[in-house]
Amino acid sequence: MATVGQEFKTGAKCETKGSYTFVRYVDEPQTPAPTSNERDIPLDKGDTFPPIKSQNRAAWWRLTRLT
């Protein structure tokens, strides 16, 4: 089970149901920022961490709350 604060990369399988927040892109540059509705996402156990679709880029996600 993941702990709050742990980070995960686009393409990884979600271990823990919760709310996840965009941290940074996997590659440079770190701009432009994701859209506001892409910054915080809910995921269920077994889901795949998504890319930032508006930019078609991989990202790092941080578990911010267990649900």
C-alpha atoms as a PDB file:
ATOM      1  CA  MET A   1       0.000   0.000   0.000  1.00  0.00           C
ATOM      2  CA  ALA A   2       1.259   3.464  -0.929  1.00  0.00           C
ATOM      3  CA  THR A   3       1.681   6.214   1.636  1.00  0.00           C
ATOM      4  CA  VAL A   4       0.674   9.869   1.401  1.00  0.00           C
ATOM      5  CA  GLY A   5       3.514  11.805  -0.234  1.00  0.00           C
ATOM      6  CA  GLN A   6       4.741   8.920  -2.363  1.00  0.00           C
ATOM      7  CA  GLU A   7       5.245   9.693  -6.076  1.00  0.00           C
ATOM      8  CA  PHE A   8       4.386   7.665  -9.162  1.00  0.00           C
ATOM      9  CA  LYS A   9       5.202   8.014 -12.863  1.00  0.00           C
ATOM     10  CA  THR A  10       2.824   7.960 -15.819  1.00  0.00           C
ATOM     11  CA  GLY A  11       2.281   4.358 -16.918  1.00  0.00           C
ATOM     12  CA  ALA A  12       2.660   2.809 -13.446  1.00  0.00           C
ATOM     13  CA  LYS A  13      -0.212   0.848 -11.904  1.00  0.00           C
ATOM     14  CA  CYS A  14      -1.948   2.521  -8.984  1.00  0.00           C
ATOM     15  CA  GLU A  15      -1.496   0.531  -5.755  1.00  0.00           C
ATOM     16  CA  THR A  16      -3.775   2.595  -3.540  1.00  0.00           C
ATOM     17  CA  LYS A  17      -7.126   4.262  -4.131  1.00  0.00           C
ATOM     18  CA  GLY A  18      -6.786   7.977  -3.500  1.00  0.00           C
ATOM     19  CA  SER A  19      -6.362  11.513  -4.772  1.00  0.00           C
ATOM     20  CA  TYR A  20      -3.191  12.298  -6.695  1.00  0.00           C
ATOM     21  CA  THR A  21      -1.674  15.654  -7.581  1.00  0.00           C
ATOM     22  CA  PHE A  22       0.531  16.573 -10.535  1.00  0.00           C
ATOM     23  CA  VAL A  23       4.105  17.197  -9.339  1.00  0.00           C
ATOM     24  CA  ARG A  24       6.166  17.773 -12.495  1.00  0.00           C
ATOM     25  CA  TYR A  25       6.696  16.519 -16.012  1.00  0.00           C
ATOM     26  CA  VAL A  26       9.056  13.589 -16.510  1.00  0.00           C
ATOM     27  CA  ASP A  27      11.048  15.546 -19.105  1.00  0.00           C
ATOM     28  CA  GLU A  28      12.020  19.183 -19.646  1.00  0.00           C
ATOM     29  CA  PRO A  29      10.741  21.815 -20.063  1.00  0.00           C
ATOM     30  CA  GLN A  30       8.379  22.062 -17.099  1.00  0.00           C
ATOM     31  CA  THR A  31       6.068  24.448 -18.961  1.00  0.00           C
ATOM     32  CA  PRO A  32       3.306  24.894 -19.997  1.00  0.00           C
ATOM     33  CA  ALA A  33       1.411  23.897 -16.874  1.00  0.00           C
ATOM     34  CA  PRO A  34      -1.367  21.296 -17.022  1.00  0.00           C
ATOM     35  CA  THR A  35      -4.947  22.542 -17.133  1.00  0.00           C
ATOM     36  CA  SER A  36      -6.641  23.054 -13.762  1.00  0.00           C
ATOM     37  CA  ASN A  37      -8.763  19.896 -14.119  1.00  0.00           C
ATOM     38  CA  GLU A  38      -5.634  17.803 -14.836  1.00  0.00           C
ATOM     39  CA  ARG A  39      -3.743  18.812 -11.668  1.00  0.00           C
ATOM     40  CA  ASP A  40      -5.707  16.688  -9.185  1.00  0.00           C
ATOM     41  CA  ILE A  41      -7.129  13.298 -10.120  1.00  0.00           C
ATOM     42  CA  PRO A  42      -8.838  10.406  -8.349  1.00  0.00           C
ATOM     43  CA  LEU A  43      -7.510   6.903  -9.074  1.00  0.00           C
ATOM     44  CA  ASP A  44      -8.664   3.451  -8.014  1.00  0.00           C
ATOM     45  CA  LYS A  45      -6.369   0.555  -7.235  1.00  0.00           C
ATOM     46  CA  GLY A  46      -5.322  -1.028 -10.541  1.00  0.00           C
ATOM     47  CA  ASP A  47      -5.754   2.137 -12.626  1.00  0.00           C
ATOM     48  CA  THR A  48      -2.822   3.357 -14.706  1.00  0.00           C
ATOM     49  CA  PHE A  49      -1.306   6.749 -13.953  1.00  0.00           C
ATOM     50  CA  PRO A  50      -2.199   8.923 -16.951  1.00  0.00           C
ATOM     51  CA  PRO A  51      -0.195  11.399 -18.986  1.00  0.00           C
ATOM     52  CA  ILE A  52      -1.116  15.077 -19.027  1.00  0.00           C
ATOM     53  CA  LYS A  53      -3.383  14.819 -22.057  1.00  0.00           C
ATOM     54  CA  SER A  54      -3.439  18.544 -22.899  1.00  0.00           C
ATOM     55  CA  GLN A  55       0.343  18.401 -23.398  1.00  0.00           C
ATOM     56  CA  ASN A  56       0.663  14.722 -24.384  1.00  0.00           C
ATOM     57  CA  ARG A  57       3.447  14.335 -21.799  1.00  0.00           C
ATOM     58  CA  ALA A  58       4.342  11.934 -19.015  1.00  0.00           C
ATOM     59  CA  ALA A  59       4.190  13.200 -15.437  1.00  0.00           C
ATOM     60  CA  TRP A  60       5.013  12.427 -11.834  1.00  0.00           C
ATOM     61  CA  TRP A  61       2.013  12.172  -9.477  1.00  0.00           C
ATOM     62  CA  ARG A  62       1.940  12.446  -5.664  1.00  0.00           C
ATOM     63  CA  LEU A  63      -0.560  10.667  -3.443  1.00  0.00           C
ATOM     64  CA  THR A  64      -2.191  13.464  -1.443  1.00  0.00           C
ATOM     65  CA  ARG A  65      -5.165  11.724   0.189  1.00  0.00           C
ATOM     66  CA  LEU A  66      -6.356   8.163   0.714  1.00  0.00           C
ATOM     67  CA  THR A  67      -9.988   7.542  -0.217  1.00  0.00           C
END
